[in-house]
């Protein structure tokens, strides 16, 4: 397992942008698939985006496709989530998660082995 720490959350107006970071410990992080999830108050945690270990494969939830971009810098052990054209519906706590093994665009929380503590995103209308 790896240790994950998210950062970059905050309060932004609708239409604005934020970039979240997920910093990981461990030299083996570069071999991990990493996903972003979010959870709004009173709702279940939902999939946002996932990226393969090499960064060559990505997959997005329909609700964020075209607005969010997931990327990674393995030299820095960091995965990013660039969020543009933010909407109030994007409000929630954002978590990154990692899993080992062959890359598949995993969208279920139980498929991930390691989780960060999350970073809060609030989008005002």
Protein backbone atom coordinates (compact mmCIF):
# COMPACT_ATOMS: atom_id res chain seq x y z
CA UNK A 1 0.00 0.00 0.00
CA UNK A 2 0.94 3.62 -0.41
CA UNK A 3 0.19 6.66 1.72
CA UNK A 4 -1.83 9.33 -0.09
CA UNK A 5 -2.33 13.00 0.78
CA UNK A 6 -4.70 15.25 -1.14
CA UNK A 7 -4.46 19.03 -1.37
CA UNK A 8 -5.72 21.92 -3.45
CA UNK A 9 -9.34 22.09 -2.41
CA UNK A 10 -11.13 25.30 -1.55
CA UNK A 11 -14.07 27.58 -2.22
CA UNK A 12 -14.62 28.76 -5.77
CA UNK A 13 -17.43 30.39 -7.71
CA UNK A 14 -19.32 28.52 -10.39
CA UNK A 15 -17.38 28.57 -13.63
CA UNK A 16 -14.06 28.71 -11.83
CA UNK A 17 -11.20 26.22 -11.67
CA UNK A 18 -9.22 24.28 -9.11
CA UNK A 19 -6.35 21.82 -9.36
CA UNK A 20 -6.22 19.03 -6.84
CA UNK A 21 -3.05 17.12 -6.05
CA UNK A 22 -2.58 13.63 -4.67
CA UNK A 23 0.92 13.11 -3.29
CA UNK A 24 2.05 9.59 -2.57
CA UNK A 25 4.82 7.97 -0.60
CA UNK A 26 6.73 4.97 -1.82
CA UNK A 27 8.84 4.30 -4.88
CA UNK A 28 6.34 1.81 -6.23
CA UNK A 29 3.66 4.46 -6.68
CA UNK A 30 4.51 4.77 -10.34
CA UNK A 31 3.10 1.31 -10.90
CA UNK A 32 -0.29 2.10 -9.35
CA UNK A 33 -3.57 2.97 -11.00
CA UNK A 34 -4.97 6.07 -9.31
CA UNK A 35 -8.55 7.21 -9.13
CA UNK A 36 -10.36 10.30 -7.88
CA UNK A 37 -13.67 10.02 -6.09
CA UNK A 38 -15.92 12.55 -4.41
CA UNK A 39 -18.56 12.50 -1.75
CA UNK A 40 -21.23 15.10 -1.16
CA UNK A 41 -22.99 15.37 2.22
CA UNK A 42 -25.57 12.65 2.60
CA UNK A 43 -24.53 10.89 -0.59
CA UNK A 44 -22.40 7.91 -1.46
CA UNK A 45 -18.84 8.27 -2.63
CA UNK A 46 -18.81 8.42 -6.42
CA UNK A 47 -16.22 7.87 -9.09
CA UNK A 48 -14.76 10.89 -10.88
CA UNK A 49 -11.72 9.83 -12.91
CA UNK A 50 -8.97 7.22 -13.12
CA UNK A 51 -5.50 7.09 -14.68
CA UNK A 52 -3.20 4.21 -15.50
CA UNK A 53 0.30 3.88 -14.08
CA UNK A 54 1.85 5.31 -17.25
CA UNK A 55 -0.70 8.06 -17.69
CA UNK A 56 -1.57 6.84 -21.16
CA UNK A 57 -5.04 5.65 -20.21
CA UNK A 58 -7.71 7.72 -18.52
CA UNK A 59 -11.43 7.39 -17.92
CA UNK A 60 -13.99 9.88 -16.62
CA UNK A 61 -17.44 9.91 -15.18
CA UNK A 62 -19.93 11.36 -17.64
CA UNK A 63 -20.70 14.19 -15.24
CA UNK A 64 -17.14 15.58 -15.46
CA UNK A 65 -16.09 14.58 -18.96
CA UNK A 66 -14.81 17.57 -20.91
CA UNK A 67 -14.38 19.66 -17.75
CA UNK A 68 -11.94 17.66 -15.60
CA UNK A 69 -8.53 16.31 -16.56
CA UNK A 70 -6.57 13.71 -14.64
CA UNK A 71 -2.80 13.53 -15.07
CA UNK A 72 0.25 12.30 -13.21
CA UNK A 73 3.92 13.03 -12.72
CA UNK A 74 5.57 9.83 -11.55
CA UNK A 75 8.87 11.61 -10.94
CA UNK A 76 7.04 13.64 -8.28
CA UNK A 77 4.84 10.78 -7.09
CA UNK A 78 1.83 12.99 -7.71
CA UNK A 79 -1.49 12.71 -9.52
CA UNK A 80 -3.48 15.80 -10.41
CA UNK A 81 -7.10 16.58 -11.10
CA UNK A 82 -7.62 19.79 -13.04
CA UNK A 83 -11.20 20.93 -12.62
CA UNK A 84 -12.58 23.60 -14.93
CA UNK A 85 -16.06 25.07 -15.42
CA UNK A 86 -16.97 24.04 -11.91
CA UNK A 87 -20.61 23.72 -10.94
CA UNK A 88 -22.32 23.71 -7.53
CA UNK A 89 -23.02 20.01 -8.16
CA UNK A 90 -19.24 19.41 -8.02
CA UNK A 91 -19.20 20.34 -4.34
CA UNK A 92 -17.94 17.58 -2.05
CA UNK A 93 -14.94 16.01 -0.45
CA UNK A 94 -12.52 14.69 -3.03
CA UNK A 95 -10.45 11.60 -2.40
CA UNK A 96 -7.67 9.94 -4.33
CA UNK A 97 -7.21 6.20 -4.20
CA UNK A 98 -4.64 3.75 -5.52
CA UNK A 99 -4.66 0.14 -6.59
CA UNK A 100 -2.01 -2.21 -7.90
CA UNK A 101 -2.21 -4.79 -10.64
CA UNK A 102 -3.07 -4.57 -14.29
CA UNK A 103 -4.79 -1.37 -15.29
CA UNK A 104 -8.54 -1.40 -15.57
CA UNK A 105 -10.69 1.75 -15.37
CA UNK A 106 -11.89 0.85 -11.87
CA UNK A 107 -14.93 2.85 -10.78
CA UNK A 108 -15.88 1.03 -7.59
CA UNK A 109 -14.48 2.02 -4.21
CA UNK A 110 -13.84 -1.57 -3.16
CA UNK A 111 -11.42 -2.03 -6.03
CA UNK A 112 -8.91 0.36 -4.44
CA UNK A 113 -6.43 -0.55 -1.72
CA UNK A 114 -5.24 2.83 -0.43
CA UNK A 115 -7.10 6.07 0.26
CA UNK A 116 -6.22 9.57 1.28
CA UNK A 117 -8.10 11.68 3.82
CA UNK A 118 -9.64 13.91 1.18
CA UNK A 119 -9.75 17.61 0.37
CA UNK A 120 -12.88 19.73 0.47
CA UNK A 121 -14.22 21.49 -2.64
CA UNK A 122 -17.08 23.97 -2.43
CA UNK A 123 -18.55 25.64 -5.49
CA UNK A 124 -20.86 28.59 -4.93
CA UNK A 125 -23.55 29.66 -7.37
